Amino acid sequence: MIFRPTLFAIAAPLLCLSSFAAAQEPAAPAYDPAPFLSSMVALRTAAVTCEPFVAASPATRTAAIPAFFKTLNQDLPDLVDGETQKSLNIFVGAQAAQLCRDKLDAAYAAYGAQSAIYLNSKPADWPDPPEISNAPWCSSEYCLEF
């Protein structure tokens, strides 16, 4: 994934936060936050990419993700997937909304799973995962309102 160097740079401060405590405790396998961080980046990318195509402002609903990275003194790059947006602009509005809904739902499910693992595995001094609402992106099953 193209974000691996960035994610390593972000994960490194988290790992350093607990280095002193880890030095005093018996050796335990270190938790790797990279999958959790990757899931946040994927969710935020889907949100800002799909912002023009669905309701309920996914960019606003995922605003806690950039805030989480700011607490780690990291800035997220522009995560809009221009190729996907170009492709979605070709479709009828309802089709684009349906594709975005599916993309957002999959990204949210991955984030939810990784968030639970992170919450149960992280050292106490690491920040809690951001809470993100998973309300429907469309008001109808096939996003016909678009």
N, C-alpha and C. Protein backbone atom coordinates (compact mmCIF):
# COMPACT_ATOMS: atom_id res chain seq x y z
N MET A 1 0.85 -1.17 0.00
CA MET A 1 0.00 0.00 0.00
C MET A 1 0.89 1.23 0.00
N ILE A 2 0.52 2.27 -0.68
CA ILE A 2 1.37 3.43 -0.81
C ILE A 2 1.56 4.20 0.49
N PHE A 3 0.75 3.93 1.49
CA PHE A 3 0.83 4.66 2.74
C PHE A 3 1.75 3.99 3.76
N ARG A 4 2.38 2.87 3.45
CA ARG A 4 3.21 2.15 4.42
C ARG A 4 4.28 3.04 5.06
N PRO A 5 5.08 3.80 4.27
CA PRO A 5 6.09 4.64 4.93
C PRO A 5 5.44 5.65 5.87
N THR A 6 4.34 6.23 5.46
CA THR A 6 3.65 7.19 6.31
C THR A 6 3.12 6.51 7.55
N LEU A 7 2.54 5.33 7.39
CA LEU A 7 1.99 4.63 8.53
C LEU A 7 3.09 4.23 9.50
N PHE A 8 4.25 3.83 8.99
CA PHE A 8 5.35 3.50 9.88
C PHE A 8 5.77 4.73 10.67
N ALA A 9 5.81 5.86 9.99
CA ALA A 9 6.19 7.09 10.69
C ALA A 9 5.16 7.46 11.74
N ILE A 10 3.90 7.11 11.50
CA ILE A 10 2.86 7.40 12.47
C ILE A 10 2.88 6.37 13.59
N ALA A 11 3.12 5.12 13.25
CA ALA A 11 3.13 4.06 14.26
C ALA A 11 4.33 4.19 15.19
N ALA A 12 5.43 4.71 14.70
CA ALA A 12 6.64 4.81 15.51
C ALA A 12 6.42 5.61 16.80
N PRO A 13 5.76 6.80 16.76
CA PRO A 13 5.53 7.51 18.03
C PRO A 13 4.67 6.71 19.00
N LEU A 14 3.68 5.96 18.47
CA LEU A 14 2.87 5.14 19.36
C LEU A 14 3.72 4.08 20.03
N LEU A 15 4.59 3.46 19.27
CA LEU A 15 5.44 2.42 19.84
C LEU A 15 6.41 3.01 20.87
N CYS A 16 6.87 4.23 20.62
CA CYS A 16 7.80 4.87 21.55
C CYS A 16 7.12 5.26 22.86
N LEU A 17 5.81 5.57 22.80
CA LEU A 17 5.09 5.96 24.02
C LEU A 17 5.19 4.89 25.09
N SER A 18 5.20 3.65 24.69
CA SER A 18 5.20 2.58 25.68
C SER A 18 6.57 1.93 25.84
N SER A 19 7.61 2.49 25.24
CA SER A 19 8.92 1.84 25.30
C SER A 19 9.47 1.80 26.73
N PHE A 20 9.25 2.86 27.52
CA PHE A 20 9.75 2.87 28.88
C PHE A 20 9.05 1.80 29.72
N ALA A 21 7.71 1.74 29.59
CA ALA A 21 6.94 0.74 30.33
C ALA A 21 7.31 -0.66 29.88
N ALA A 22 7.55 -0.83 28.61
CA ALA A 22 7.90 -2.15 28.09
C ALA A 22 9.27 -2.59 28.60
N ALA A 23 10.16 -1.64 28.85
CA ALA A 23 11.48 -1.99 29.34
C ALA A 23 11.42 -2.53 30.77
N GLN A 24 10.37 -2.19 31.51
CA GLN A 24 10.23 -2.63 32.89
C GLN A 24 9.42 -3.91 33.03
N GLU A 25 8.70 -4.29 31.99
CA GLU A 25 7.85 -5.46 32.04
C GLU A 25 8.52 -6.62 31.30
N PRO A 26 8.08 -7.85 31.59
CA PRO A 26 8.61 -8.97 30.82
C PRO A 26 8.26 -8.80 29.34
N ALA A 27 9.11 -9.35 28.50
CA ALA A 27 8.92 -9.20 27.06
C ALA A 27 7.62 -9.85 26.61
N ALA A 28 6.79 -9.08 25.97
CA ALA A 28 5.55 -9.57 25.38
C ALA A 28 5.56 -9.13 23.93
N PRO A 29 4.86 -9.85 23.09
CA PRO A 29 4.85 -9.42 21.69
C PRO A 29 4.28 -8.00 21.58
N ALA A 30 4.99 -7.15 20.88
CA ALA A 30 4.55 -5.76 20.71
C ALA A 30 3.37 -5.71 19.76
N TYR A 31 2.40 -4.90 20.11
CA TYR A 31 1.25 -4.70 19.25
C TYR A 31 1.65 -3.83 18.07
N ASP A 32 1.31 -4.25 16.87
CA ASP A 32 1.60 -3.50 15.65
C ASP A 32 0.34 -2.73 15.25
N PRO A 33 0.33 -1.40 15.37
CA PRO A 33 -0.87 -0.63 15.04
C PRO A 33 -1.06 -0.39 13.55
N ALA A 34 -0.15 -0.86 12.70
CA ALA A 34 -0.25 -0.58 11.26
C ALA A 34 -1.58 -1.00 10.64
N PRO A 35 -2.14 -2.19 10.93
CA PRO A 35 -3.44 -2.53 10.33
C PRO A 35 -4.56 -1.57 10.77
N PHE A 36 -4.52 -1.15 12.02
CA PHE A 36 -5.51 -0.20 12.52
C PHE A 36 -5.36 1.14 11.81
N LEU A 37 -4.14 1.63 11.70
CA LEU A 37 -3.89 2.90 11.04
C LEU A 37 -4.26 2.82 9.56
N SER A 38 -3.95 1.70 8.93
CA SER A 38 -4.31 1.50 7.51
C SER A 38 -5.83 1.53 7.33
N SER A 39 -6.56 0.92 8.26
CA SER A 39 -8.02 0.91 8.14
C SER A 39 -8.59 2.33 8.30
N MET A 40 -7.97 3.14 9.14
CA MET A 40 -8.42 4.53 9.28
C MET A 40 -8.15 5.31 8.00
N VAL A 41 -6.98 5.12 7.42
CA VAL A 41 -6.64 5.81 6.18
C VAL A 41 -7.59 5.38 5.07
N ALA A 42 -7.90 4.08 4.99
CA ALA A 42 -8.81 3.58 3.96
C ALA A 42 -10.22 4.15 4.14
N LEU A 43 -10.68 4.22 5.39
CA LEU A 43 -12.01 4.78 5.65
C LEU A 43 -12.05 6.26 5.30
N ARG A 44 -11.05 6.99 5.69
CA ARG A 44 -11.00 8.43 5.39
C ARG A 44 -10.91 8.66 3.88
N THR A 45 -10.12 7.84 3.19
CA THR A 45 -10.01 7.95 1.74
C THR A 45 -11.36 7.71 1.07
N ALA A 46 -12.06 6.67 1.49
CA ALA A 46 -13.39 6.40 0.95
C ALA A 46 -14.33 7.56 1.24
N ALA A 47 -14.24 8.11 2.43
CA ALA A 47 -15.14 9.20 2.84
C ALA A 47 -14.93 10.46 2.00
N VAL A 48 -13.70 10.89 1.85
CA VAL A 48 -13.47 12.13 1.09
C VAL A 48 -13.66 11.91 -0.40
N THR A 49 -13.41 10.70 -0.87
CA THR A 49 -13.63 10.39 -2.29
C THR A 49 -15.12 10.36 -2.60
N CYS A 50 -15.91 9.81 -1.70
CA CYS A 50 -17.35 9.65 -1.94
C CYS A 50 -18.20 10.81 -1.44
N GLU A 51 -17.58 11.80 -0.86
CA GLU A 51 -18.32 12.95 -0.32
C GLU A 51 -19.33 13.53 -1.32
N PRO A 52 -18.98 13.72 -2.59
CA PRO A 52 -19.96 14.32 -3.52
C PRO A 52 -21.08 13.38 -3.95
N PHE A 53 -20.98 12.10 -3.62
CA PHE A 53 -21.90 11.13 -4.21
C PHE A 53 -22.94 10.55 -3.24
N VAL A 54 -22.77 10.75 -1.94
CA VAL A 54 -23.73 10.23 -0.96
C VAL A 54 -24.13 11.33 0.01
N ALA A 55 -25.17 11.05 0.77
CA ALA A 55 -25.66 12.02 1.76
C ALA A 55 -24.92 11.80 3.09
N ALA A 56 -25.28 12.55 4.08
CA ALA A 56 -24.77 12.41 5.44
C ALA A 56 -23.28 12.71 5.56
N SER A 57 -22.73 13.47 4.67
CA SER A 57 -21.35 13.96 4.68
C SER A 57 -20.34 13.00 5.31
N PRO A 58 -19.89 12.01 4.53
CA PRO A 58 -18.89 11.10 5.08
C PRO A 58 -17.60 11.79 5.51
N ALA A 59 -17.24 12.88 4.85
CA ALA A 59 -16.02 13.60 5.25
C ALA A 59 -16.18 14.18 6.66
N THR A 60 -17.35 14.72 6.95
CA THR A 60 -17.61 15.27 8.28
C THR A 60 -17.66 14.14 9.31
N ARG A 61 -18.31 13.04 8.95
CA ARG A 61 -18.44 11.93 9.90
C ARG A 61 -17.11 11.27 10.21
N THR A 62 -16.13 11.42 9.34
CA THR A 62 -14.81 10.83 9.60
C THR A 62 -13.78 11.89 9.97
N ALA A 63 -14.22 13.07 10.32
CA ALA A 63 -13.30 14.16 10.69
C ALA A 63 -12.46 13.81 11.91
N ALA A 64 -12.91 12.86 12.71
CA ALA A 64 -12.14 12.44 13.89
C ALA A 64 -10.84 11.73 13.49
N ILE A 65 -10.78 11.22 12.28
CA ILE A 65 -9.56 10.51 11.85
C ILE A 65 -8.39 11.47 11.70
N PRO A 66 -8.52 12.58 10.96
CA PRO A 66 -7.39 13.52 10.93
C PRO A 66 -7.06 14.07 12.32
N ALA A 67 -8.08 14.24 13.16
CA ALA A 67 -7.84 14.72 14.54
C ALA A 67 -7.01 13.69 15.31
N PHE A 68 -7.30 12.40 15.12
CA PHE A 68 -6.52 11.34 15.78
C PHE A 68 -5.06 11.42 15.35
N PHE A 69 -4.83 11.57 14.06
CA PHE A 69 -3.45 11.65 13.57
C PHE A 69 -2.75 12.91 14.07
N LYS A 70 -3.52 14.01 14.23
CA LYS A 70 -2.93 15.24 14.78
C LYS A 70 -2.45 15.02 16.21
N THR A 71 -3.17 14.19 17.00
CA THR A 71 -2.72 13.91 18.36
C THR A 71 -1.38 13.18 18.35
N LEU A 72 -1.07 12.55 17.23
CA LEU A 72 0.23 11.87 17.07
C LEU A 72 1.24 12.76 16.36
N ASN A 73 0.88 14.04 16.21
CA ASN A 73 1.72 15.01 15.50
C ASN A 73 1.97 14.61 14.06
N GLN A 74 0.95 14.06 13.42
CA GLN A 74 1.03 13.65 12.02
C GLN A 74 -0.10 14.31 11.25
N ASP A 75 0.18 14.66 10.00
CA ASP A 75 -0.85 15.19 9.12
C ASP A 75 -1.11 14.15 8.03
N LEU A 76 -2.38 13.96 7.72
CA LEU A 76 -2.72 13.06 6.63
C LEU A 76 -2.59 13.82 5.31
N PRO A 77 -2.10 13.16 4.28
CA PRO A 77 -2.05 13.82 2.97
C PRO A 77 -3.46 13.92 2.40
N ASP A 78 -3.59 14.58 1.26
CA ASP A 78 -4.88 14.65 0.57
C ASP A 78 -5.22 13.23 0.14
N LEU A 79 -6.31 12.71 0.66
CA LEU A 79 -6.64 11.30 0.44
C LEU A 79 -7.71 11.08 -0.63
N VAL A 80 -8.09 12.10 -1.36
CA VAL A 80 -9.10 11.93 -2.40
C VAL A 80 -8.53 11.04 -3.50
N ASP A 81 -9.27 10.00 -3.84
CA ASP A 81 -8.88 9.10 -4.94
C ASP A 81 -9.48 9.67 -6.22
N GLY A 82 -8.69 10.43 -6.94
CA GLY A 82 -9.15 11.11 -8.15
C GLY A 82 -9.62 10.16 -9.23
N GLU A 83 -8.95 9.04 -9.38
CA GLU A 83 -9.35 8.05 -10.40
C GLU A 83 -10.75 7.51 -10.10
N THR A 84 -10.99 7.17 -8.85
CA THR A 84 -12.30 6.66 -8.47
C THR A 84 -13.37 7.73 -8.67
N GLN A 85 -13.07 8.97 -8.28
CA GLN A 85 -14.04 10.04 -8.47
C GLN A 85 -14.36 10.24 -9.95
N LYS A 86 -13.34 10.19 -10.80
CA LYS A 86 -13.56 10.32 -12.24
C LYS A 86 -14.48 9.22 -12.75
N SER A 87 -14.22 8.01 -12.30
CA SER A 87 -15.05 6.87 -12.71
C SER A 87 -16.48 7.02 -12.21
N LEU A 88 -16.64 7.45 -10.96
CA LEU A 88 -17.98 7.60 -10.39
C LEU A 88 -18.78 8.67 -11.11
N ASN A 89 -18.11 9.69 -11.63
CA ASN A 89 -18.80 10.76 -12.36
C ASN A 89 -19.42 10.26 -13.67
N ILE A 90 -18.97 9.12 -14.16
CA ILE A 90 -19.52 8.55 -15.39
C ILE A 90 -20.88 7.91 -15.14
N PHE A 91 -21.09 7.40 -13.94
CA PHE A 91 -22.31 6.67 -13.61
C PHE A 91 -23.49 7.60 -13.38
N VAL A 92 -24.69 7.02 -13.47
CA VAL A 92 -25.91 7.71 -13.03
C VAL A 92 -25.74 7.93 -11.53
N GLY A 93 -26.31 9.00 -11.01
CA GLY A 93 -26.14 9.36 -9.60
C GLY A 93 -26.42 8.23 -8.64
N ALA A 94 -27.51 7.49 -8.86
CA ALA A 94 -27.88 6.39 -7.95
C ALA A 94 -26.83 5.27 -7.99
N GLN A 95 -26.27 5.03 -9.17
CA GLN A 95 -25.24 3.99 -9.27
C GLN A 95 -23.98 4.41 -8.53
N ALA A 96 -23.57 5.64 -8.71
CA ALA A 96 -22.38 6.15 -8.02
C ALA A 96 -22.59 6.11 -6.52
N ALA A 97 -23.78 6.51 -6.07
CA ALA A 97 -24.09 6.49 -4.64
C ALA A 97 -24.07 5.07 -4.09
N GLN A 98 -24.59 4.13 -4.84
CA GLN A 98 -24.62 2.74 -4.41
C GLN A 98 -23.19 2.18 -4.31
N LEU A 99 -22.36 2.49 -5.29
CA LEU A 99 -20.96 2.04 -5.25
C LEU A 99 -20.24 2.66 -4.06
N CYS A 100 -20.47 3.94 -3.83
CA CYS A 100 -19.84 4.61 -2.68
C CYS A 100 -20.36 4.04 -1.37
N ARG A 101 -21.65 3.80 -1.29
CA ARG A 101 -22.22 3.22 -0.07
C ARG A 101 -21.53 1.89 0.24
N ASP A 102 -21.38 1.05 -0.78
CA ASP A 102 -20.73 -0.25 -0.57
C ASP A 102 -19.27 -0.07 -0.17
N LYS A 103 -18.59 0.87 -0.80
CA LYS A 103 -17.18 1.14 -0.47
C LYS A 103 -17.05 1.66 0.96
N LEU A 104 -17.93 2.56 1.34
CA LEU A 104 -17.91 3.12 2.70
C LEU A 104 -18.26 2.06 3.74
N ASP A 105 -19.26 1.24 3.44
CA ASP A 105 -19.65 0.18 4.38
C ASP A 105 -18.50 -0.81 4.60
N ALA A 106 -17.83 -1.19 3.52
CA ALA A 106 -16.70 -2.13 3.63
C ALA A 106 -15.55 -1.50 4.43
N ALA A 107 -15.25 -0.23 4.15
CA ALA A 107 -14.17 0.46 4.87
C ALA A 107 -14.53 0.62 6.34
N TYR A 108 -15.80 0.92 6.62
CA TYR A 108 -16.22 1.07 8.01
C TYR A 108 -16.15 -0.26 8.76
N ALA A 109 -16.55 -1.34 8.09
CA ALA A 109 -16.49 -2.67 8.73
C ALA A 109 -15.03 -3.04 9.05
N ALA A 110 -14.13 -2.76 8.13
CA ALA A 110 -12.71 -3.05 8.37
C ALA A 110 -12.19 -2.19 9.52
N TYR A 111 -12.58 -0.92 9.53
CA TYR A 111 -12.16 -0.03 10.61
C TYR A 111 -12.72 -0.52 11.96
N GLY A 112 -13.97 -0.90 11.97
CA GLY A 112 -14.58 -1.38 13.21
C GLY A 112 -13.85 -2.59 13.77
N ALA A 113 -13.51 -3.54 12.90
CA ALA A 113 -12.79 -4.74 13.34
C ALA A 113 -11.41 -4.38 13.87
N GLN A 114 -10.69 -3.54 13.13
CA GLN A 114 -9.34 -3.15 13.57
C GLN A 114 -9.38 -2.27 14.81
N SER A 115 -10.41 -1.45 14.92
CA SER A 115 -10.56 -0.59 16.09
C SER A 115 -10.74 -1.42 17.35
N ALA A 116 -11.53 -2.49 17.26
CA ALA A 116 -11.73 -3.37 18.42
C ALA A 116 -10.43 -4.06 18.82
N ILE A 117 -9.68 -4.52 17.83
CA ILE A 117 -8.39 -5.15 18.11
C ILE A 117 -7.44 -4.14 18.76
N TYR A 118 -7.38 -2.95 18.18
CA TYR A 118 -6.52 -1.89 18.70
C TYR A 118 -6.89 -1.56 20.15
N LEU A 119 -8.17 -1.38 20.41
CA LEU A 119 -8.64 -1.01 21.75
C LEU A 119 -8.25 -2.07 22.78
N ASN A 120 -8.32 -3.33 22.40
CA ASN A 120 -7.99 -4.42 23.33
C ASN A 120 -6.50 -4.71 23.42
N SER A 121 -5.71 -4.21 22.47
CA SER A 121 -4.29 -4.56 22.42
C SER A 121 -3.35 -3.41 22.73
N LYS A 122 -3.83 -2.20 22.62
CA LYS A 122 -2.95 -1.04 22.78
C LYS A 122 -2.51 -0.86 24.23
N PRO A 123 -1.33 -0.31 24.43
CA PRO A 123 -0.93 0.08 25.79
C PRO A 123 -1.85 1.19 26.32
N ALA A 124 -1.94 1.31 27.60
CA ALA A 124 -2.86 2.26 28.23
C ALA A 124 -2.58 3.71 27.85
N ASP A 125 -1.33 4.04 27.54
CA ASP A 125 -1.01 5.44 27.25
C ASP A 125 -1.24 5.82 25.79
N TRP A 126 -1.66 4.90 24.96
CA TRP A 126 -2.00 5.23 23.57
C TRP A 126 -3.41 5.78 23.52
N PRO A 127 -3.68 6.68 22.57
CA PRO A 127 -5.04 7.26 22.49
C PRO A 127 -6.08 6.22 22.08
N ASP A 128 -7.31 6.43 22.55
CA ASP A 128 -8.41 5.56 22.14
C ASP A 128 -8.73 5.79 20.67
N PRO A 129 -9.31 4.80 20.01
CA PRO A 129 -9.67 4.99 18.60
C PRO A 129 -10.81 5.99 18.48
N PRO A 130 -10.85 6.74 17.39
CA PRO A 130 -11.95 7.69 17.22
C PRO A 130 -13.27 6.98 17.00
N GLU A 131 -14.32 7.56 17.56
CA GLU A 131 -15.67 7.02 17.33
C GLU A 131 -16.21 7.63 16.06
N ILE A 132 -16.70 6.77 15.17
CA ILE A 132 -17.21 7.22 13.89
C ILE A 132 -18.59 6.62 13.68
N SER A 133 -19.54 7.46 13.35
CA SER A 133 -20.92 7.03 13.15
C SER A 133 -21.06 6.19 11.89
N ASN A 134 -21.83 5.12 12.00
CA ASN A 134 -22.08 4.27 10.84
C ASN A 134 -23.55 4.33 10.44
N ALA A 135 -24.09 5.51 10.36
CA ALA A 135 -25.47 5.68 9.92
C ALA A 135 -25.55 5.41 8.42
N PRO A 136 -26.73 5.14 7.90
CA PRO A 136 -26.86 4.84 6.46
C PRO A 136 -26.38 6.01 5.60
N TRP A 137 -25.82 5.67 4.47
CA TRP A 137 -25.33 6.68 3.53
C TRP A 137 -26.42 7.06 2.53
N CYS A 138 -27.38 6.18 2.36
CA CYS A 138 -28.51 6.41 1.45
C CYS A 138 -29.80 6.16 2.24
N SER A 139 -30.87 6.81 1.82
CA SER A 139 -32.14 6.60 2.52
C SER A 139 -32.93 5.42 1.95
N SER A 140 -32.53 4.94 0.77
CA SER A 140 -33.22 3.79 0.18
C SER A 140 -32.19 2.70 -0.12
N GLU A 141 -32.67 1.48 -0.30
CA GLU A 141 -31.78 0.35 -0.52
C GLU A 141 -30.87 0.53 -1.74
N TYR A 142 -31.42 1.11 -2.79
CA TYR A 142 -30.65 1.26 -4.02
C TYR A 142 -30.21 2.71 -4.28
N CYS A 143 -30.25 3.52 -3.25
CA CYS A 143 -29.82 4.92 -3.33
C CYS A 143 -30.54 5.68 -4.45
N LEU A 144 -31.80 5.40 -4.63
CA LEU A 144 -32.55 6.00 -5.73
C LEU A 144 -32.78 7.50 -5.55
N GLU A 145 -32.58 8.00 -4.34
CA GLU A 145 -32.75 9.44 -4.12
C GLU A 145 -31.69 10.27 -4.83
N PHE A 146 -30.65 9.60 -5.32
CA PHE A 146 -29.60 10.31 -6.04
C PHE A 146 -29.84 10.18 -7.51
